[in-house]
Amino acid sequence: MMLQVTDDPYAVAAASAARLIALAGRPDVAVVLGSGWAPAADAIGPVEAEVPLTDIAVEAFRSQIELAGPGPWLFPSQGNRTGHQTEFKKTWQTTIRRAGVPYFRLYDLRSTYATRLSAGGVADEWVTQMLRQTDAQVFKKYSQMKLQMKREALAKLNRRASELTSPNSADTEKCA
């Protein structure tokens, strides 16, 4: 196969997609980092979901691409006959053990994500969409967490107000 050198990013993206398909067949998941790679995603197949990523997440993917080296897999595995990770649960457990985290369910990532979005003021409809949920009832759980966070914030505010207005506070003694 003769490689053509070009400055056209769309041609590079299309050629990269063709190479990926030739090496590994049509993947179940394609990660596109940057809009210039949209033609590569188009060549692989229809888009089922677009997931917005933070700069930190994009950098993490780029680092993983560098770690994975050349090849069709983002998470290669020499210990698996497929050549790539197929079970995320075991990988997750190994990762949290190596990080020294005693217990953290994979599902907790989703819950934390939804709760932080909601607490950050993101509209419930958007959080539901970002979770790729079609049923808003699933979001109810996260709304309850948001309500609990508001209660905790009010309790903290009340404690602080009580400290400032109590007769034993340092501010009161300075005024006397």
N, C-alpha and C. Protein backbone atom coordinates (compact mmCIF):
# COMPACT_ATOMS: atom_id res chain seq x y z
N MET A 1 0.84 -1.18 0.00
CA MET A 1 0.00 0.00 0.00
C MET A 1 0.88 1.24 0.00
N MET A 2 0.73 2.07 -0.97
CA MET A 2 1.52 3.29 -1.11
C MET A 2 0.86 4.42 -0.35
N LEU A 3 1.61 5.09 0.53
CA LEU A 3 1.08 6.20 1.28
C LEU A 3 1.24 7.48 0.49
N GLN A 4 0.19 8.27 0.42
CA GLN A 4 0.25 9.55 -0.23
C GLN A 4 0.41 10.62 0.82
N VAL A 5 1.29 11.56 0.57
CA VAL A 5 1.49 12.67 1.50
C VAL A 5 0.60 13.81 1.03
N THR A 6 -0.16 14.36 1.97
CA THR A 6 -1.06 15.46 1.64
C THR A 6 -1.18 16.40 2.83
N ASP A 7 -1.49 17.65 2.54
CA ASP A 7 -1.72 18.63 3.61
C ASP A 7 -3.21 18.78 3.91
N ASP A 8 -4.04 18.09 3.14
CA ASP A 8 -5.48 18.19 3.32
C ASP A 8 -5.91 17.34 4.52
N PRO A 9 -6.36 17.99 5.62
CA PRO A 9 -6.72 17.23 6.81
C PRO A 9 -7.90 16.28 6.57
N TYR A 10 -8.80 16.64 5.68
CA TYR A 10 -9.94 15.77 5.39
C TYR A 10 -9.49 14.51 4.68
N ALA A 11 -8.52 14.66 3.79
CA ALA A 11 -7.98 13.48 3.09
C ALA A 11 -7.24 12.58 4.08
N VAL A 12 -6.50 13.20 5.02
CA VAL A 12 -5.79 12.42 6.04
C VAL A 12 -6.80 11.67 6.91
N ALA A 13 -7.88 12.34 7.29
CA ALA A 13 -8.91 11.71 8.12
C ALA A 13 -9.55 10.54 7.39
N ALA A 14 -9.89 10.73 6.14
CA ALA A 14 -10.52 9.67 5.36
C ALA A 14 -9.56 8.49 5.19
N ALA A 15 -8.29 8.78 4.90
CA ALA A 15 -7.29 7.72 4.75
C ALA A 15 -7.10 6.97 6.06
N SER A 16 -7.11 7.70 7.17
CA SER A 16 -6.95 7.07 8.49
C SER A 16 -8.12 6.15 8.79
N ALA A 17 -9.33 6.60 8.46
CA ALA A 17 -10.51 5.76 8.68
C ALA A 17 -10.44 4.50 7.83
N ALA A 18 -10.03 4.66 6.58
CA ALA A 18 -9.91 3.50 5.69
C ALA A 18 -8.88 2.51 6.23
N ARG A 19 -7.78 3.02 6.75
CA ARG A 19 -6.73 2.16 7.31
C ARG A 19 -7.24 1.43 8.55
N LEU A 20 -7.97 2.16 9.41
CA LEU A 20 -8.53 1.56 10.61
C LEU A 20 -9.49 0.42 10.24
N ILE A 21 -10.34 0.67 9.27
CA ILE A 21 -11.30 -0.36 8.85
C ILE A 21 -10.56 -1.55 8.25
N ALA A 22 -9.50 -1.28 7.48
CA ALA A 22 -8.73 -2.37 6.87
C ALA A 22 -8.05 -3.22 7.94
N LEU A 23 -7.54 -2.58 8.99
CA LEU A 23 -6.84 -3.30 10.06
C LEU A 23 -7.78 -4.07 10.98
N ALA A 24 -8.89 -3.44 11.34
CA ALA A 24 -9.71 -4.00 12.41
C ALA A 24 -11.16 -4.25 12.05
N GLY A 25 -11.55 -3.92 10.86
CA GLY A 25 -12.97 -4.00 10.53
C GLY A 25 -13.68 -2.78 11.09
N ARG A 26 -14.95 -2.73 10.91
CA ARG A 26 -15.71 -1.57 11.42
C ARG A 26 -15.78 -1.67 12.94
N PRO A 27 -15.27 -0.65 13.64
CA PRO A 27 -15.27 -0.70 15.11
C PRO A 27 -16.66 -0.44 15.68
N ASP A 28 -16.85 -0.92 16.90
CA ASP A 28 -18.09 -0.63 17.62
C ASP A 28 -18.11 0.82 18.09
N VAL A 29 -16.94 1.36 18.39
CA VAL A 29 -16.82 2.71 18.91
C VAL A 29 -15.67 3.41 18.21
N ALA A 30 -15.88 4.63 17.80
CA ALA A 30 -14.81 5.46 17.25
C ALA A 30 -14.78 6.75 18.04
N VAL A 31 -13.63 7.14 18.50
CA VAL A 31 -13.48 8.38 19.25
C VAL A 31 -12.86 9.40 18.30
N VAL A 32 -13.57 10.50 18.10
CA VAL A 32 -13.11 11.55 17.20
C VAL A 32 -12.75 12.75 18.06
N LEU A 33 -11.48 13.11 18.05
CA LEU A 33 -11.01 14.23 18.85
C LEU A 33 -10.78 15.42 17.94
N GLY A 34 -11.77 16.24 17.78
CA GLY A 34 -11.65 17.42 16.95
C GLY A 34 -12.51 17.30 15.70
N SER A 35 -13.08 18.42 15.30
CA SER A 35 -14.01 18.41 14.18
C SER A 35 -13.34 18.07 12.86
N GLY A 36 -12.04 18.25 12.76
CA GLY A 36 -11.33 17.92 11.52
C GLY A 36 -11.38 16.44 11.20
N TRP A 37 -11.72 15.63 12.20
CA TRP A 37 -11.76 14.18 12.00
C TRP A 37 -13.17 13.68 11.69
N ALA A 38 -14.11 14.58 11.53
CA ALA A 38 -15.48 14.17 11.22
C ALA A 38 -15.55 13.28 9.98
N PRO A 39 -14.77 13.56 8.92
CA PRO A 39 -14.82 12.66 7.75
C PRO A 39 -14.40 11.22 8.10
N ALA A 40 -13.50 11.08 9.06
CA ALA A 40 -13.09 9.74 9.47
C ALA A 40 -14.27 9.03 10.13
N ALA A 41 -14.96 9.73 10.98
CA ALA A 41 -16.13 9.14 11.64
C ALA A 41 -17.20 8.80 10.62
N ASP A 42 -17.39 9.69 9.66
CA ASP A 42 -18.38 9.44 8.61
C ASP A 42 -18.04 8.19 7.81
N ALA A 43 -16.73 7.99 7.55
CA ALA A 43 -16.31 6.82 6.77
C ALA A 43 -16.51 5.53 7.55
N ILE A 44 -16.44 5.61 8.88
CA ILE A 44 -16.58 4.42 9.72
C ILE A 44 -18.03 3.99 9.81
N GLY A 45 -18.93 4.94 9.88
CA GLY A 45 -20.35 4.60 9.97
C GLY A 45 -21.15 5.74 10.54
N PRO A 46 -22.45 5.52 10.70
CA PRO A 46 -23.31 6.60 11.20
C PRO A 46 -23.00 6.94 12.66
N VAL A 47 -23.15 8.20 12.99
CA VAL A 47 -22.92 8.66 14.35
C VAL A 47 -24.15 8.33 15.18
N GLU A 48 -23.93 7.61 16.27
CA GLU A 48 -25.03 7.28 17.17
C GLU A 48 -25.08 8.23 18.35
N ALA A 49 -23.93 8.78 18.71
CA ALA A 49 -23.90 9.69 19.85
C ALA A 49 -22.68 10.59 19.73
N GLU A 50 -22.88 11.83 20.11
CA GLU A 50 -21.77 12.76 20.24
C GLU A 50 -21.66 13.09 21.71
N VAL A 51 -20.47 12.94 22.26
CA VAL A 51 -20.26 13.17 23.68
C VAL A 51 -19.32 14.35 23.84
N PRO A 52 -19.79 15.43 24.44
CA PRO A 52 -18.89 16.56 24.66
C PRO A 52 -17.85 16.20 25.72
N LEU A 53 -16.62 16.57 25.48
CA LEU A 53 -15.53 16.26 26.41
C LEU A 53 -14.88 17.54 26.90
N THR A 54 -14.44 17.53 28.13
CA THR A 54 -13.66 18.64 28.66
C THR A 54 -12.25 18.56 28.09
N ASP A 55 -11.50 19.64 28.22
CA ASP A 55 -10.11 19.63 27.76
C ASP A 55 -9.30 18.55 28.47
N ILE A 56 -9.60 18.32 29.75
CA ILE A 56 -8.89 17.29 30.51
C ILE A 56 -9.18 15.91 29.93
N ALA A 57 -10.44 15.66 29.57
CA ALA A 57 -10.81 14.36 29.00
C ALA A 57 -10.15 14.16 27.63
N VAL A 58 -10.12 15.21 26.82
CA VAL A 58 -9.46 15.12 25.51
C VAL A 58 -7.98 14.81 25.70
N GLU A 59 -7.36 15.47 26.66
CA GLU A 59 -5.94 15.20 26.93
C GLU A 59 -5.72 13.78 27.41
N ALA A 60 -6.65 13.27 28.23
CA ALA A 60 -6.55 11.88 28.69
C ALA A 60 -6.63 10.91 27.51
N PHE A 61 -7.54 11.17 26.57
CA PHE A 61 -7.63 10.32 25.38
C PHE A 61 -6.34 10.40 24.56
N ARG A 62 -5.83 11.61 24.40
CA ARG A 62 -4.58 11.76 23.63
C ARG A 62 -3.43 11.01 24.29
N SER A 63 -3.37 11.08 25.62
CA SER A 63 -2.32 10.35 26.34
C SER A 63 -2.48 8.84 26.15
N GLN A 64 -3.74 8.37 26.19
CA GLN A 64 -3.98 6.94 26.00
C GLN A 64 -3.63 6.50 24.59
N ILE A 65 -3.91 7.35 23.61
CA ILE A 65 -3.54 7.05 22.22
C ILE A 65 -2.02 6.89 22.12
N GLU A 66 -1.31 7.78 22.80
CA GLU A 66 0.16 7.70 22.80
C GLU A 66 0.64 6.43 23.50
N LEU A 67 0.02 6.10 24.63
CA LEU A 67 0.39 4.88 25.36
C LEU A 67 0.09 3.62 24.56
N ALA A 68 -1.05 3.63 23.87
CA ALA A 68 -1.48 2.45 23.11
C ALA A 68 -0.55 2.17 21.93
N GLY A 69 0.06 3.21 21.41
CA GLY A 69 0.97 3.02 20.28
C GLY A 69 0.22 2.73 18.99
N PRO A 70 0.97 2.38 17.96
CA PRO A 70 0.32 2.11 16.67
C PRO A 70 -0.55 0.86 16.75
N GLY A 71 -1.64 0.90 16.11
CA GLY A 71 -2.55 -0.24 16.13
C GLY A 71 -3.97 0.24 16.17
N PRO A 72 -4.90 -0.64 16.01
CA PRO A 72 -6.31 -0.24 15.91
C PRO A 72 -7.02 -0.04 17.25
N TRP A 73 -6.38 -0.40 18.38
CA TRP A 73 -7.09 -0.39 19.65
C TRP A 73 -6.63 0.74 20.56
N LEU A 74 -7.59 1.41 21.17
CA LEU A 74 -7.27 2.46 22.13
C LEU A 74 -6.81 1.84 23.46
N PHE A 75 -7.37 0.68 23.79
CA PHE A 75 -6.99 -0.03 25.01
C PHE A 75 -6.55 -1.45 24.65
N PRO A 76 -5.31 -1.56 24.14
CA PRO A 76 -4.84 -2.89 23.76
C PRO A 76 -4.59 -3.76 24.99
N SER A 77 -4.61 -5.08 24.77
CA SER A 77 -4.36 -6.01 25.86
C SER A 77 -3.64 -7.23 25.30
N GLN A 78 -2.40 -7.41 25.73
CA GLN A 78 -1.64 -8.58 25.29
C GLN A 78 -2.18 -9.85 25.93
N GLY A 79 -2.86 -9.71 27.07
CA GLY A 79 -3.38 -10.87 27.77
C GLY A 79 -4.72 -11.37 27.25
N ASN A 80 -5.27 -10.70 26.27
CA ASN A 80 -6.56 -11.09 25.73
C ASN A 80 -6.38 -11.55 24.29
N ARG A 81 -7.01 -12.65 23.93
CA ARG A 81 -6.82 -13.19 22.58
C ARG A 81 -7.33 -12.25 21.49
N THR A 82 -8.25 -11.32 21.86
CA THR A 82 -8.75 -10.36 20.87
C THR A 82 -7.74 -9.25 20.58
N GLY A 83 -6.79 -9.08 21.50
CA GLY A 83 -5.79 -8.02 21.35
C GLY A 83 -6.20 -6.70 21.97
N HIS A 84 -7.38 -6.67 22.59
CA HIS A 84 -7.85 -5.44 23.21
C HIS A 84 -8.70 -5.75 24.44
N GLN A 85 -8.93 -4.71 25.24
CA GLN A 85 -9.77 -4.87 26.44
C GLN A 85 -11.18 -5.23 26.01
N THR A 86 -11.76 -6.23 26.65
CA THR A 86 -13.14 -6.59 26.36
C THR A 86 -14.03 -6.52 27.60
N GLU A 87 -13.42 -6.57 28.78
CA GLU A 87 -14.17 -6.48 30.02
C GLU A 87 -13.70 -5.27 30.80
N PHE A 88 -14.57 -4.30 30.90
CA PHE A 88 -14.17 -3.07 31.58
C PHE A 88 -14.22 -3.21 33.09
N LYS A 89 -15.07 -4.07 33.60
CA LYS A 89 -15.22 -4.20 35.05
C LYS A 89 -13.90 -4.61 35.72
N LYS A 90 -13.24 -5.61 35.17
CA LYS A 90 -11.96 -6.06 35.75
C LYS A 90 -10.90 -4.97 35.63
N THR A 91 -10.87 -4.29 34.49
CA THR A 91 -9.92 -3.20 34.28
C THR A 91 -10.18 -2.09 35.29
N TRP A 92 -11.45 -1.77 35.52
CA TRP A 92 -11.82 -0.73 36.48
C TRP A 92 -11.36 -1.12 37.89
N GLN A 93 -11.61 -2.35 38.29
CA GLN A 93 -11.21 -2.80 39.62
C GLN A 93 -9.70 -2.74 39.80
N THR A 94 -8.96 -3.13 38.77
CA THR A 94 -7.50 -3.07 38.82
C THR A 94 -7.03 -1.62 38.94
N THR A 95 -7.67 -0.74 38.19
CA THR A 95 -7.30 0.67 38.20
C THR A 95 -7.51 1.30 39.57
N ILE A 96 -8.68 1.08 40.17
CA ILE A 96 -8.91 1.72 41.48
C ILE A 96 -8.03 1.11 42.56
N ARG A 97 -7.72 -0.20 42.44
CA ARG A 97 -6.82 -0.82 43.41
C ARG A 97 -5.43 -0.19 43.30
N ARG A 98 -4.92 -0.04 42.07
CA ARG A 98 -3.59 0.57 41.88
C ARG A 98 -3.55 2.02 42.34
N ALA A 99 -4.70 2.71 42.23
CA ALA A 99 -4.76 4.11 42.64
C ALA A 99 -4.92 4.25 44.15
N GLY A 100 -5.13 3.11 44.83
CA GLY A 100 -5.28 3.16 46.29
C GLY A 100 -6.67 3.58 46.73
N VAL A 101 -7.64 3.48 45.84
CA VAL A 101 -9.03 3.81 46.17
C VAL A 101 -9.68 2.54 46.72
N PRO A 102 -10.17 2.59 47.97
CA PRO A 102 -10.70 1.37 48.57
C PRO A 102 -11.96 0.82 47.89
N TYR A 103 -12.88 1.70 47.49
CA TYR A 103 -14.12 1.22 46.89
C TYR A 103 -14.75 2.36 46.10
N PHE A 104 -15.05 2.09 44.85
CA PHE A 104 -15.72 3.08 44.01
C PHE A 104 -16.31 2.33 42.83
N ARG A 105 -17.63 2.16 42.85
CA ARG A 105 -18.29 1.44 41.76
C ARG A 105 -18.20 2.25 40.48
N LEU A 106 -18.10 1.56 39.37
CA LEU A 106 -18.06 2.21 38.07
C LEU A 106 -19.31 3.07 37.89
N TYR A 107 -20.45 2.58 38.34
CA TYR A 107 -21.71 3.31 38.23
C TYR A 107 -21.63 4.66 38.95
N ASP A 108 -20.81 4.74 40.02
CA ASP A 108 -20.69 5.98 40.77
C ASP A 108 -20.18 7.13 39.91
N LEU A 109 -19.43 6.82 38.85
CA LEU A 109 -18.96 7.88 37.95
C LEU A 109 -20.15 8.57 37.30
N ARG A 110 -21.10 7.78 36.84
CA ARG A 110 -22.31 8.31 36.20
C ARG A 110 -23.11 9.15 37.18
N SER A 111 -23.27 8.63 38.37
CA SER A 111 -24.03 9.33 39.40
C SER A 111 -23.36 10.66 39.76
N THR A 112 -22.05 10.63 39.94
CA THR A 112 -21.31 11.85 40.27
C THR A 112 -21.41 12.86 39.15
N TYR A 113 -21.27 12.40 37.92
CA TYR A 113 -21.37 13.27 36.74
C TYR A 113 -22.72 13.97 36.71
N ALA A 114 -23.78 13.20 36.86
CA ALA A 114 -25.13 13.76 36.81
C ALA A 114 -25.37 14.73 37.96
N THR A 115 -24.93 14.36 39.14
CA THR A 115 -25.14 15.21 40.31
C THR A 115 -24.38 16.52 40.17
N ARG A 116 -23.16 16.47 39.70
CA ARG A 116 -22.37 17.70 39.54
C ARG A 116 -22.94 18.60 38.45
N LEU A 117 -23.40 17.99 37.36
CA LEU A 117 -24.05 18.80 36.32
C LEU A 117 -25.27 19.51 36.89
N SER A 118 -26.08 18.75 37.58
CA SER A 118 -27.32 19.29 38.15
C SER A 118 -27.02 20.37 39.19
N ALA A 119 -26.09 20.08 40.08
CA ALA A 119 -25.73 21.05 41.13
C ALA A 119 -25.08 22.29 40.53
N GLY A 120 -24.46 22.13 39.38
CA GLY A 120 -23.81 23.26 38.71
C GLY A 120 -24.79 24.13 37.95
N GLY A 121 -26.07 23.78 38.00
CA GLY A 121 -27.08 24.62 37.37
C GLY A 121 -27.48 24.19 35.97
N VAL A 122 -26.99 23.05 35.49
CA VAL A 122 -27.38 22.57 34.17
C VAL A 122 -28.84 22.12 34.25
N ALA A 123 -29.62 22.55 33.27
CA ALA A 123 -31.05 22.23 33.24
C ALA A 123 -31.25 20.71 33.23
N ASP A 124 -32.29 20.28 33.92
CA ASP A 124 -32.59 18.84 34.05
C ASP A 124 -32.69 18.16 32.69
N GLU A 125 -33.31 18.84 31.72
CA GLU A 125 -33.45 18.23 30.39
C GLU A 125 -32.09 17.96 29.75
N TRP A 126 -31.15 18.89 29.96
CA TRP A 126 -29.81 18.71 29.38
C TRP A 126 -29.06 17.58 30.08
N VAL A 127 -29.20 17.51 31.40
CA VAL A 127 -28.53 16.43 32.14
C VAL A 127 -29.06 15.09 31.65
N THR A 128 -30.37 15.00 31.48
CA THR A 128 -30.99 13.76 30.99
C THR A 128 -30.41 13.40 29.63
N GLN A 129 -30.27 14.39 28.74
CA GLN A 129 -29.70 14.13 27.41
C GLN A 129 -28.23 13.73 27.50
N MET A 130 -27.49 14.41 28.37
CA MET A 130 -26.06 14.10 28.49
C MET A 130 -25.83 12.70 29.08
N LEU A 131 -26.80 12.22 29.84
CA LEU A 131 -26.73 10.85 30.36
C LEU A 131 -27.23 9.85 29.33
N ARG A 132 -27.73 10.35 28.21
CA ARG A 132 -28.31 9.54 27.14
C ARG A 132 -29.49 8.73 27.66
N GLN A 133 -30.30 9.41 28.45
CA GLN A 133 -31.52 8.80 28.98
C GLN A 133 -32.71 9.29 28.17
N THR A 134 -33.62 8.42 27.89
CA THR A 134 -34.84 8.83 27.21
C THR A 134 -35.97 9.02 28.20
N ASP A 135 -35.83 8.44 29.37
CA ASP A 135 -36.86 8.52 30.39
C ASP A 135 -36.42 9.49 31.48
N ALA A 136 -37.15 10.58 31.62
CA ALA A 136 -36.81 11.59 32.62
C ALA A 136 -36.97 11.06 34.05
N GLN A 137 -37.70 9.95 34.24
CA GLN A 137 -37.88 9.39 35.57
C GLN A 137 -36.53 8.92 36.15
N VAL A 138 -35.64 8.47 35.29
CA VAL A 138 -34.32 8.04 35.76
C VAL A 138 -33.60 9.21 36.41
N PHE A 139 -33.86 10.39 35.88
CA PHE A 139 -33.19 11.59 36.40
C PHE A 139 -33.68 11.96 37.79
N LYS A 140 -34.83 11.47 38.17
CA LYS A 140 -35.41 11.80 39.47
C LYS A 140 -34.43 11.54 40.61
N LYS A 141 -33.69 10.45 40.50
CA LYS A 141 -32.71 10.08 41.53
C LYS A 141 -31.68 11.20 41.72
N TYR A 142 -31.22 11.74 40.59
CA TYR A 142 -30.20 12.78 40.67
C TYR A 142 -30.80 14.10 41.17
N SER A 143 -32.07 14.32 40.88
CA SER A 143 -32.74 15.51 41.40
C SER A 143 -32.84 15.44 42.91
N GLN A 144 -33.08 14.23 43.44
CA GLN A 144 -33.15 14.06 44.88
C GLN A 144 -31.80 14.36 45.52
N MET A 145 -30.71 13.95 44.83
CA MET A 145 -29.38 14.25 45.35
C MET A 145 -29.16 15.77 45.36
N LYS A 146 -29.63 16.43 44.31
CA LYS A 146 -29.50 17.88 44.22
C LYS A 146 -30.25 18.53 45.37
N LEU A 147 -31.45 18.05 45.67
CA LEU A 147 -32.25 18.58 46.77
C LEU A 147 -31.50 18.39 48.09
N GLN A 148 -30.90 17.22 48.29
CA GLN A 148 -30.13 16.97 49.51
C GLN A 148 -28.93 17.92 49.61
N MET A 149 -28.27 18.17 48.49
CA MET A 149 -27.14 19.10 48.49
C MET A 149 -27.59 20.50 48.87
N LYS A 150 -28.77 20.91 48.40
CA LYS A 150 -29.31 22.23 48.75
C LYS A 150 -29.60 22.30 50.25
N ARG A 151 -30.17 21.23 50.78
CA ARG A 151 -30.45 21.18 52.23
C ARG A 151 -29.16 21.31 53.04
N GLU A 152 -28.13 20.58 52.61
CA GLU A 152 -26.85 20.65 53.30
C GLU A 152 -26.25 22.05 53.23
N ALA A 153 -26.38 22.70 52.06
CA ALA A 153 -25.86 24.06 51.90
C ALA A 153 -26.61 25.03 52.82
N LEU A 154 -27.93 24.88 52.93
CA LEU A 154 -28.71 25.74 53.82
C LEU A 154 -28.34 25.50 55.28
N ALA A 155 -28.13 24.25 55.65
CA ALA A 155 -27.73 23.93 57.03
C ALA A 155 -26.38 24.57 57.34
N LYS A 156 -25.48 24.53 56.38
CA LYS A 156 -24.16 25.14 56.57
C LYS A 156 -24.30 26.66 56.72
N LEU A 157 -25.15 27.25 55.91
CA LEU A 157 -25.40 28.69 55.99
C LEU A 157 -25.99 29.05 57.34
N ASN A 158 -26.94 28.25 57.83
CA ASN A 158 -27.55 28.51 59.13
C ASN A 158 -26.52 28.39 60.26
N ARG A 159 -25.65 27.38 60.19
CA ARG A 159 -24.60 27.23 61.22
C ARG A 159 -23.69 28.45 61.23
N ARG A 160 -23.32 28.91 60.05
CA ARG A 160 -22.41 30.07 59.95
C ARG A 160 -23.10 31.33 60.49
N ALA A 161 -24.37 31.49 60.16
CA ALA A 161 -25.12 32.66 60.65
C ALA A 161 -25.24 32.60 62.17
N SER A 162 -25.46 31.41 62.72
CA SER A 162 -25.56 31.26 64.18
C SER A 162 -24.24 31.59 64.85
N GLU A 163 -23.15 31.17 64.22
CA GLU A 163 -21.83 31.47 64.79
C GLU A 163 -21.58 32.98 64.84
N LEU A 164 -22.00 33.68 63.80
CA LEU A 164 -21.76 35.12 63.72
C LEU A 164 -22.66 35.92 64.65
N THR A 165 -23.83 35.39 64.98
CA THR A 165 -24.78 36.15 65.81
C THR A 165 -24.84 35.69 67.26
N SER A 166 -24.10 34.64 67.60
CA SER A 166 -24.15 34.16 68.98
C SER A 166 -23.42 35.14 69.89
N PRO A 167 -23.88 35.28 71.13
CA PRO A 167 -23.26 36.21 72.07
C PRO A 167 -21.81 35.86 72.40
N ASN A 168 -21.40 34.63 72.16
CA ASN A 168 -20.03 34.22 72.47
C ASN A 168 -19.08 34.39 71.29
N SER A 169 -19.58 34.95 70.17
CA SER A 169 -18.70 35.04 69.00
C SER A 169 -17.62 36.08 69.22
N ALA A 170 -16.52 35.94 68.56
CA ALA A 170 -15.37 36.85 68.69
C ALA A 170 -15.75 38.25 68.26
N ASP A 171 -16.60 38.40 67.26
CA ASP A 171 -16.99 39.71 66.78
C ASP A 171 -17.75 40.50 67.84
N THR A 172 -18.59 39.82 68.60
CA THR A 172 -19.38 40.47 69.65
C THR A 172 -18.46 40.97 70.76
N GLU A 173 -17.46 40.17 71.13
CA GLU A 173 -16.55 40.54 72.21
C GLU A 173 -15.73 41.77 71.83
N LYS A 174 -15.36 41.91 70.54
CA LYS A 174 -14.57 43.06 70.09
C LYS A 174 -15.38 44.34 70.20
N CYS A 175 -16.69 44.25 70.01
CA CYS A 175 -17.54 45.44 70.04
C CYS A 175 -17.82 45.91 71.46
N ALA A 176 -17.66 45.05 72.45
CA ALA A 176 -18.03 45.40 73.83
C ALA A 176 -17.05 46.29 74.51
